[in-house]
C-alpha atoms as a PDB file:
ATOM      1  CA  UNK A   1      16.053  -1.285 -10.481  1.00  0.00           C
ATOM      2  CA  UNK A   2      17.663  -3.700  -7.607  1.00  0.00           C
ATOM      3  CA  UNK A   3      18.096  -2.430  -3.717  1.00  0.00           C
ATOM      4  CA  UNK A   4      20.960  -3.407  -1.982  1.00  0.00           C
ATOM      5  CA  UNK A   5      20.203  -6.488  -0.034  1.00  0.00           C
ATOM      6  CA  UNK A   6      17.117  -7.508  -1.306  1.00  0.00           C
ATOM      7  CA  UNK A   7      15.527 -10.772  -1.248  1.00  0.00           C
ATOM      8  CA  UNK A   8      15.533 -12.656  -3.954  1.00  0.00           C
ATOM      9  CA  UNK A   9      12.240 -13.834  -5.919  1.00  0.00           C
ATOM     10  CA  UNK A  10      13.056 -16.548  -8.286  1.00  0.00           C
ATOM     11  CA  UNK A  11      11.303 -18.944  -6.223  1.00  0.00           C
ATOM     12  CA  UNK A  12       7.959 -16.834  -6.537  1.00  0.00           C
ATOM     13  CA  UNK A  13       5.586 -16.580  -9.063  1.00  0.00           C
ATOM     14  CA  UNK A  14       6.115 -13.019 -10.365  1.00  0.00           C
ATOM     15  CA  UNK A  15       3.547 -10.755 -12.044  1.00  0.00           C
ATOM     16  CA  UNK A  16       3.384 -11.140 -15.875  1.00  0.00           C
ATOM     17  CA  UNK A  17       5.817  -9.153 -17.768  1.00  0.00           C
ATOM     18  CA  UNK A  18       2.880  -7.634 -20.109  1.00  0.00           C
ATOM     19  CA  UNK A  19       1.102  -6.627 -16.804  1.00  0.00           C
ATOM     20  CA  UNK A  20       4.089  -4.810 -15.810  1.00  0.00           C
ATOM     21  CA  UNK A  21       4.888  -3.034 -18.839  1.00  0.00           C
ATOM     22  CA  UNK A  22       1.174  -1.965 -19.553  1.00  0.00           C
ATOM     23  CA  UNK A  23       1.052  -0.415 -16.109  1.00  0.00           C
ATOM     24  CA  UNK A  24       4.399   1.524 -16.857  1.00  0.00           C
ATOM     25  CA  UNK A  25       3.430   3.271 -19.690  1.00  0.00           C
ATOM     26  CA  UNK A  26       1.944   6.513 -19.263  1.00  0.00           C
ATOM     27  CA  UNK A  27       1.068   5.997 -15.662  1.00  0.00           C
ATOM     28  CA  UNK A  28       2.043   8.609 -12.601  1.00  0.00           C
ATOM     29  CA  UNK A  29       2.472   6.244  -9.514  1.00  0.00           C
ATOM     30  CA  UNK A  30       3.051   7.951  -6.397  1.00  0.00           C
ATOM     31  CA  UNK A  31       3.802   5.756  -3.043  1.00  0.00           C
ATOM     32  CA  UNK A  32       2.615   6.768   0.317  1.00  0.00           C
ATOM     33  CA  UNK A  33       4.327   5.338   3.151  1.00  0.00           C
ATOM     34  CA  UNK A  34       4.869   5.451   6.911  1.00  0.00           C
ATOM     35  CA  UNK A  35       4.201   3.547  10.092  1.00  0.00           C
ATOM     36  CA  UNK A  36       0.819   1.776  11.291  1.00  0.00           C
ATOM     37  CA  UNK A  37      -1.545   4.616  12.250  1.00  0.00           C
ATOM     38  CA  UNK A  38       0.338   7.435  10.234  1.00  0.00           C
ATOM     39  CA  UNK A  39      -2.820   8.382   8.662  1.00  0.00           C
ATOM     40  CA  UNK A  40      -2.063   7.282   4.765  1.00  0.00           C
ATOM     41  CA  UNK A  41      -5.631   6.061   4.078  1.00  0.00           C
ATOM     42  CA  UNK A  42      -7.121   9.538   5.350  1.00  0.00           C
ATOM     43  CA  UNK A  43      -4.854  11.722   3.397  1.00  0.00           C
ATOM     44  CA  UNK A  44      -4.592   9.447   0.404  1.00  0.00           C
ATOM     45  CA  UNK A  45      -8.945   9.584   0.186  1.00  0.00           C
ATOM     46  CA  UNK A  46      -8.487  13.442   0.491  1.00  0.00           C
ATOM     47  CA  UNK A  47      -5.922  13.151  -2.469  1.00  0.00           C
ATOM     48  CA  UNK A  48      -8.107  11.215  -4.601  1.00  0.00           C
ATOM     49  CA  UNK A  49     -11.033  13.445  -3.956  1.00  0.00           C
ATOM     50  CA  UNK A  50      -9.301  16.957  -4.595  1.00  0.00           C
ATOM     51  CA  UNK A  51      -6.697  16.011  -6.884  1.00  0.00           C
ATOM     52  CA  UNK A  52      -8.013  13.226  -8.771  1.00  0.00           C
ATOM     53  CA  UNK A  53      -5.726  10.453  -7.954  1.00  0.00           C
ATOM     54  CA  UNK A  54      -6.714   6.569  -8.237  1.00  0.00           C
ATOM     55  CA  UNK A  55      -6.353   5.337  -4.822  1.00  0.00           C
ATOM     56  CA  UNK A  56      -4.813   1.986  -4.245  1.00  0.00           C
ATOM     57  CA  UNK A  57      -4.622   0.919  -0.667  1.00  0.00           C
ATOM     58  CA  UNK A  58      -2.532  -2.257  -0.343  1.00  0.00           C
ATOM     59  CA  UNK A  59      -4.119  -2.846   3.412  1.00  0.00           C
ATOM     60  CA  UNK A  60      -7.738  -2.090   2.074  1.00  0.00           C
ATOM     61  CA  UNK A  61      -7.046  -4.753  -0.977  1.00  0.00           C
ATOM     62  CA  UNK A  62      -6.156  -7.479   1.520  1.00  0.00           C
ATOM     63  CA  UNK A  63      -8.821  -6.738   3.824  1.00  0.00           C
ATOM     64  CA  UNK A  64     -11.405  -7.014   0.889  1.00  0.00           C
ATOM     65  CA  UNK A  65      -9.635 -10.171   0.513  1.00  0.00           C
ATOM     66  CA  UNK A  66     -10.303 -11.425   3.981  1.00  0.00           C
ATOM     67  CA  UNK A  67     -14.152 -10.230   3.961  1.00  0.00           C
ATOM     68  CA  UNK A  68     -14.927 -11.247   0.834  1.00  0.00           C
ATOM     69  CA  UNK A  69     -16.978 -14.231   0.690  1.00  0.00           C
ATOM     70  CA  UNK A  70     -18.432 -14.476  -3.097  1.00  0.00           C
ATOM     71  CA  UNK A  71     -17.836 -16.943  -5.658  1.00  0.00           C
ATOM     72  CA  UNK A  72     -17.594 -14.037  -8.086  1.00  0.00           C
ATOM     73  CA  UNK A  73     -14.483 -13.038  -6.265  1.00  0.00           C
ATOM     74  CA  UNK A  74     -12.648 -16.041  -7.033  1.00  0.00           C
ATOM     75  CA  UNK A  75     -13.946 -16.281 -10.504  1.00  0.00           C
ATOM     76  CA  UNK A  76     -13.044 -12.802 -11.038  1.00  0.00           C
ATOM     77  CA  UNK A  77      -9.108 -13.546  -9.746  1.00  0.00           C
ATOM     78  CA  UNK A  78      -9.063 -16.948 -11.915  1.00  0.00           C
ATOM     79  CA  UNK A  79     -10.081 -14.988 -15.219  1.00  0.00           C
ATOM     80  CA  UNK A  80      -7.336 -12.545 -14.256  1.00  0.00           C
ATOM     81  CA  UNK A  81      -4.634 -14.896 -13.353  1.00  0.00           C
ATOM     82  CA  UNK A  82      -1.963 -15.762 -15.916  1.00  0.00           C
ATOM     83  CA  UNK A  83      -1.507 -19.506 -14.694  1.00  0.00           C
ATOM     84  CA  UNK A  84      -3.253 -21.943 -12.324  1.00  0.00           C
ATOM     85  CA  UNK A  85      -0.756 -22.034  -9.469  1.00  0.00           C
ATOM     86  CA  UNK A  86      -1.878 -18.030  -8.592  1.00  0.00           C
ATOM     87  CA  UNK A  87      -5.525 -19.156  -9.179  1.00  0.00           C
ATOM     88  CA  UNK A  88      -5.003 -21.602  -6.256  1.00  0.00           C
ATOM     89  CA  UNK A  89      -3.409 -18.873  -4.139  1.00  0.00           C
ATOM     90  CA  UNK A  90      -6.292 -16.422  -4.674  1.00  0.00           C
ATOM     91  CA  UNK A  91      -8.958 -19.109  -3.508  1.00  0.00           C
ATOM     92  CA  UNK A  92      -6.840 -19.935  -0.336  1.00  0.00           C
ATOM     93  CA  UNK A  93      -5.419 -16.641   0.240  1.00  0.00           C
ATOM     94  CA  UNK A  94      -8.199 -15.354   2.172  1.00  0.00           C
ATOM     95  CA  UNK A  95      -7.440 -17.495   5.474  1.00  0.00           C
ATOM     96  CA  UNK A  96      -3.685 -17.214   4.789  1.00  0.00           C
ATOM     97  CA  UNK A  97      -3.923 -13.167   4.760  1.00  0.00           C
ATOM     98  CA  UNK A  98      -6.145 -13.112   7.977  1.00  0.00           C
ATOM     99  CA  UNK A  99      -3.628 -15.329   9.792  1.00  0.00           C
ATOM    100  CA  UNK A 100      -0.542 -13.321   8.664  1.00  0.00           C
ATOM    101  CA  UNK A 101      -2.120 -10.203   9.661  1.00  0.00           C
ATOM    102  CA  UNK A 102      -3.182 -11.392  13.114  1.00  0.00           C
ATOM    103  CA  UNK A 103       0.308 -12.612  13.710  1.00  0.00           C
ATOM    104  CA  UNK A 104       1.385  -9.001  12.404  1.00  0.00           C
ATOM    105  CA  UNK A 105       3.320 -10.647   9.469  1.00  0.00           C
ATOM    106  CA  UNK A 106       3.778  -9.379   5.819  1.00  0.00           C
ATOM    107  CA  UNK A 107       1.623 -10.844   3.443  1.00  0.00           C
ATOM    108  CA  UNK A 108       3.205 -12.741   0.429  1.00  0.00           C
ATOM    109  CA  UNK A 109       4.540 -10.059  -2.162  1.00  0.00           C
ATOM    110  CA  UNK A 110       3.202 -11.850  -5.032  1.00  0.00           C
ATOM    111  CA  UNK A 111      -0.351 -11.755  -3.420  1.00  0.00           C
ATOM    112  CA  UNK A 112      -0.135  -8.076  -2.669  1.00  0.00           C
ATOM    113  CA  UNK A 113       1.549  -6.916  -6.650  1.00  0.00           C
ATOM    114  CA  UNK A 114      -1.223  -9.122  -8.190  1.00  0.00           C
ATOM    115  CA  UNK A 115      -4.257  -7.588  -6.396  1.00  0.00           C
ATOM    116  CA  UNK A 116      -2.658  -4.196  -7.038  1.00  0.00           C
ATOM    117  CA  UNK A 117      -2.227  -4.885 -10.644  1.00  0.00           C
ATOM    118  CA  UNK A 118      -5.764  -6.032 -11.188  1.00  0.00           C
ATOM    119  CA  UNK A 119      -6.948  -2.600  -9.549  1.00  0.00           C
ATOM    120  CA  UNK A 120      -4.754  -0.654 -11.757  1.00  0.00           C
ATOM    121  CA  UNK A 121      -5.427  -2.459 -14.791  1.00  0.00           C
ATOM    122  CA  UNK A 122      -9.330  -1.868 -14.018  1.00  0.00           C
ATOM    123  CA  UNK A 123      -9.208   1.704 -13.875  1.00  0.00           C
ATOM    124  CA  UNK A 124      -8.868   4.210 -16.612  1.00  0.00           C
ATOM    125  CA  UNK A 125      -7.068   6.989 -14.404  1.00  0.00           C
ATOM    126  CA  UNK A 126      -3.404   7.048 -15.270  1.00  0.00           C
ATOM    127  CA  UNK A 127      -2.715   8.855 -11.765  1.00  0.00           C
ATOM    128  CA  UNK A 128      -2.232   6.201  -9.211  1.00  0.00           C
ATOM    129  CA  UNK A 129      -1.639   6.748  -5.247  1.00  0.00           C
ATOM    130  CA  UNK A 130      -0.506   3.509  -3.857  1.00  0.00           C
ATOM    131  CA  UNK A 131      -0.378   3.714   0.226  1.00  0.00           C
ATOM    132  CA  UNK A 132       1.199   1.254   2.030  1.00  0.00           C
ATOM    133  CA  UNK A 133       3.441  -0.177  -0.681  1.00  0.00           C
ATOM    134  CA  UNK A 134       6.152  -1.115  -1.142  1.00  0.00           C
ATOM    135  CA  UNK A 135       6.447  -2.515   2.253  1.00  0.00           C
ATOM    136  CA  UNK A 136       9.665  -4.213   2.089  1.00  0.00           C
ATOM    137  CA  UNK A 137      12.566  -4.509  -0.595  1.00  0.00           C
ATOM    138  CA  UNK A 138      11.163  -7.466  -1.957  1.00  0.00           C
ATOM    139  CA  UNK A 139       7.809  -5.989  -2.709  1.00  0.00           C
ATOM    140  CA  UNK A 140       9.903  -3.084  -4.700  1.00  0.00           C
ATOM    141  CA  UNK A 141      11.942  -5.968  -6.524  1.00  0.00           C
ATOM    142  CA  UNK A 142       8.855  -7.459  -7.855  1.00  0.00           C
ATOM    143  CA  UNK A 143       6.388  -5.060  -9.189  1.00  0.00           C
ATOM    144  CA  UNK A 144       9.217  -3.050 -11.162  1.00  0.00           C
ATOM    145  CA  UNK A 145       7.381   0.266 -11.130  1.00  0.00           C
ATOM    146  CA  UNK A 146       9.099   3.244 -10.543  1.00  0.00           C
ATOM    147  CA  UNK A 147       7.269   6.032  -8.634  1.00  0.00           C
ATOM    148  CA  UNK A 148       7.769   9.794  -9.285  1.00  0.00           C
ATOM    149  CA  UNK A 149       7.560  10.599  -5.583  1.00  0.00           C
ATOM    150  CA  UNK A 150       7.559   8.649  -2.419  1.00  0.00           C
ATOM    151  CA  UNK A 151       5.475  10.580   0.275  1.00  0.00           C
ATOM    152  CA  UNK A 152       6.452   9.722   3.800  1.00  0.00           C
ATOM    153  CA  UNK A 153       4.214  10.422   6.744  1.00  0.00           C
ATOM    154  CA  UNK A 154       6.404  10.523   9.228  1.00  0.00           C
ATOM    155  CA  UNK A 155       4.758  10.053  12.705  1.00  0.00           C
ATOM    156  CA  UNK A 156       6.007   8.666  16.093  1.00  0.00           C
ATOM    157  CA  UNK A 157       5.186   5.123  17.453  1.00  0.00           C
ATOM    158  CA  UNK A 158       3.761   6.645  20.530  1.00  0.00           C
ATOM    159  CA  UNK A 159       1.158   9.072  18.517  1.00  0.00           C
ATOM    160  CA  UNK A 160       0.705   6.019  15.922  1.00  0.00           C
ATOM    161  CA  UNK A 161      -0.205   3.321  18.755  1.00  0.00           C
ATOM    162  CA  UNK A 162      -2.753   5.951  20.528  1.00  0.00           C
ATOM    163  CA  UNK A 163      -4.631   6.785  17.139  1.00  0.00           C
ATOM    164  CA  UNK A 164      -4.710   2.768  16.436  1.00  0.00           C
ATOM    165  CA  UNK A 165      -6.189   2.173  19.971  1.00  0.00           C
ATOM    166  CA  UNK A 166      -8.458   5.148  19.987  1.00  0.00           C
ATOM    167  CA  UNK A 167     -10.078   3.564  16.122  1.00  0.00           C
ATOM    168  CA  UNK A 168     -10.484   0.076  17.610  1.00  0.00           C
ATOM    169  CA  UNK A 169     -12.289   1.768  20.696  1.00  0.00           C
ATOM    170  CA  UNK A 170     -14.598   3.835  18.152  1.00  0.00           C
ATOM    171  CA  UNK A 171     -15.726   0.869  16.255  1.00  0.00           C
ATOM    172  CA  UNK A 172     -18.582  -0.467  18.316  1.00  0.00           C
ATOM    173  CA  UNK A 173     -19.788   3.136  18.445  1.00  0.00           C
ATOM    174  CA  UNK A 174     -19.374   3.933  14.684  1.00  0.00           C
ATOM    175  CA  UNK A 175     -20.605   1.155  12.811  1.00  0.00           C
ATOM    176  CA  UNK A 176     -19.315   3.025   9.726  1.00  0.00           C
ATOM    177  CA  UNK A 177     -15.957   2.294  10.605  1.00  0.00           C
ATOM    178  CA  UNK A 178     -14.041  -0.649   9.309  1.00  0.00           C
ATOM    179  CA  UNK A 179     -12.932  -2.884  11.945  1.00  0.00           C
ATOM    180  CA  UNK A 180      -9.517  -4.546  11.471  1.00  0.00           C
ATOM    181  CA  UNK A 181      -8.075  -7.594  12.894  1.00  0.00           C
ATOM    182  CA  UNK A 182      -4.911  -6.073  13.742  1.00  0.00           C
ATOM    183  CA  UNK A 183      -5.967  -3.212  15.724  1.00  0.00           C
ATOM    184  CA  UNK A 184      -4.877  -4.220  19.424  1.00  0.00           C
ATOM    185  CA  UNK A 185      -1.964  -3.579  21.467  1.00  0.00           C
ATOM    186  CA  UNK A 186       0.110  -6.809  20.895  1.00  0.00           C
ATOM    187  CA  UNK A 187      -0.179  -6.894  17.126  1.00  0.00           C
ATOM    188  CA  UNK A 188       0.643  -3.208  16.461  1.00  0.00           C
ATOM    189  CA  UNK A 189       3.920  -4.005  18.701  1.00  0.00           C
ATOM    190  CA  UNK A 190       4.679  -6.738  16.289  1.00  0.00           C
ATOM    191  CA  UNK A 191       3.455  -4.553  12.979  1.00  0.00           C
ATOM    192  CA  UNK A 192       5.694  -1.659  14.514  1.00  0.00           C
ATOM    193  CA  UNK A 193       8.929  -4.282  14.527  1.00  0.00           C
ATOM    194  CA  UNK A 194       7.842  -5.439  11.144  1.00  0.00           C
ATOM    195  CA  UNK A 195       7.641  -2.119   9.707  1.00  0.00           C
ATOM    196  CA  UNK A 196      11.065  -0.823  11.125  1.00  0.00           C
ATOM    197  CA  UNK A 197      13.017  -4.092   9.987  1.00  0.00           C
ATOM    198  CA  UNK A 198      11.248  -4.438   6.690  1.00  0.00           C
ATOM    199  CA  UNK A 199      10.227  -0.603   5.432  1.00  0.00           C
ATOM    200  CA  UNK A 200      12.865   1.496   6.776  1.00  0.00           C
ATOM    201  CA  UNK A 201      15.373   0.149   4.040  1.00  0.00           C
ATOM    202  CA  UNK A 202      13.038   0.859   1.462  1.00  0.00           C
ATOM    203  CA  UNK A 203      12.549   4.463   2.660  1.00  0.00           C
ATOM    204  CA  UNK A 204      16.214   5.002   3.255  1.00  0.00           C
ATOM    205  CA  UNK A 205      16.662   3.768  -0.606  1.00  0.00           C
ATOM    206  CA  UNK A 206      14.261   6.361  -2.015  1.00  0.00           C
ATOM    207  CA  UNK A 207      15.411   9.045   0.591  1.00  0.00           C
ATOM    208  CA  UNK A 208      19.248   8.485  -1.066  1.00  0.00           C
ATOM    209  CA  UNK A 209      18.130   8.703  -4.702  1.00  0.00           C
ATOM    210  CA  UNK A 210      15.952  11.922  -4.220  1.00  0.00           C
ATOM    211  CA  UNK A 211      12.419  10.727  -4.564  1.00  0.00           C
ATOM    212  CA  UNK A 212      11.326  10.803  -1.036  1.00  0.00           C
ATOM    213  CA  UNK A 213       9.377  14.019   0.547  1.00  0.00           C
ATOM    214  CA  UNK A 214       8.704  13.539   4.399  1.00  0.00           C
ATOM    215  CA  UNK A 215       5.912  15.111   5.875  1.00  0.00           C
ATOM    216  CA  UNK A 216       5.136  15.765   9.727  1.00  0.00           C
ATOM    217  CA  UNK A 217       2.003  13.635  10.139  1.00  0.00           C
ATOM    218  CA  UNK A 218       1.651  14.384  13.628  1.00  0.00           C
ATOM    219  CA  UNK A 219      -0.252  17.756  12.949  1.00  0.00           C
ATOM    220  CA  UNK A 220      -4.087  18.104  12.340  1.00  0.00           C
ATOM    221  CA  UNK A 221      -5.534  16.250   9.165  1.00  0.00           C
ATOM    222  CA  UNK A 222      -5.906  19.191   7.194  1.00  0.00           C
ATOM    223  CA  UNK A 223      -2.448  20.824   7.856  1.00  0.00           C
ATOM    224  CA  UNK A 224      -0.928  17.443   6.540  1.00  0.00           C
ATOM    225  CA  UNK A 225      -2.810  17.241   3.810  1.00  0.00           C
ATOM    226  CA  UNK A 226      -2.143  21.249   2.885  1.00  0.00           C
ATOM    227  CA  UNK A 227       1.698  19.779   2.706  1.00  0.00           C
ATOM    228  CA  UNK A 228       0.972  16.699   0.770  1.00  0.00           C
ATOM    229  CA  UNK A 229      -1.377  18.906  -1.833  1.00  0.00           C
ATOM    230  CA  UNK A 230       1.630  21.412  -2.243  1.00  0.00           C
ATOM    231  CA  UNK A 231       3.997  18.488  -3.004  1.00  0.00           C
ATOM    232  CA  UNK A 232       1.817  17.082  -5.372  1.00  0.00           C
ATOM    233  CA  UNK A 233       0.706  19.934  -7.262  1.00  0.00           C
ATOM    234  CA  UNK A 234       4.417  20.792  -8.103  1.00  0.00           C
ATOM    235  CA  UNK A 235       4.323  17.516  -9.463  1.00  0.00           C
ATOM    236  CA  UNK A 236       1.445  18.409 -11.814  1.00  0.00           C
ATOM    237  CA  UNK A 237       3.094  21.367 -12.605  1.00  0.00           C
ATOM    238  CA  UNK A 238       6.029  19.514 -13.647  1.00  0.00           C
ATOM    239  CA  UNK A 239       4.087  17.242 -15.952  1.00  0.00           C
ATOM    240  CA  UNK A 240       2.037  19.876 -17.432  1.00  0.00           C
ATOM    241  CA  UNK A 241       5.295  21.890 -18.560  1.00  0.00           C
ATOM    242  CA  UNK A 242       6.441  18.770 -20.381  1.00  0.00           C
END
């Protein structure tokens, strides 16, 4: 499947063919998209707890790479990588990811896809909920895994910005909350610009092929969850009927 106008990836290091084939067999994959601050992680956590999906957050995986300082992390990356070049990327990815996120730019597709593949291979759960991915057409072309559904949490830039800034203000008061290097007004604007330019074509693509389900994410968390749960319950019933 190829998206119109998608970026070419011939010069990149693709995920292994075996990994893509393994992940395509018997998996129910649902992508969750939405602008920064639309509540993707919140809803996915509730779905994971309530409906048994394995939640994979592209953003959290990248954040873990930034925060991880253990040699074990590098050795795990080495053991799971198919070639020495990607091991080299894993070693230096931490600083590069932090710099890119600070500037509001997208992390290279190969790094995101590799982290997602590793996480999916580590779990025995065949129902995967992936939030914040694919973020652009290149992401979609490189992973080659077709989702059953794509949930779009629809939220205005104004409301999302308010949420993100509030989250940043609460972090010193609530140490349990995870701080992010990209929760500040300047970088939030850059993130929205990147979202508009890169992710909207992906949203339009899935809308055109009938896989997109748009949900009003400006409502209270529980109301949004009820809408999401209804859609995913229909998907479960469809699978049980086959």
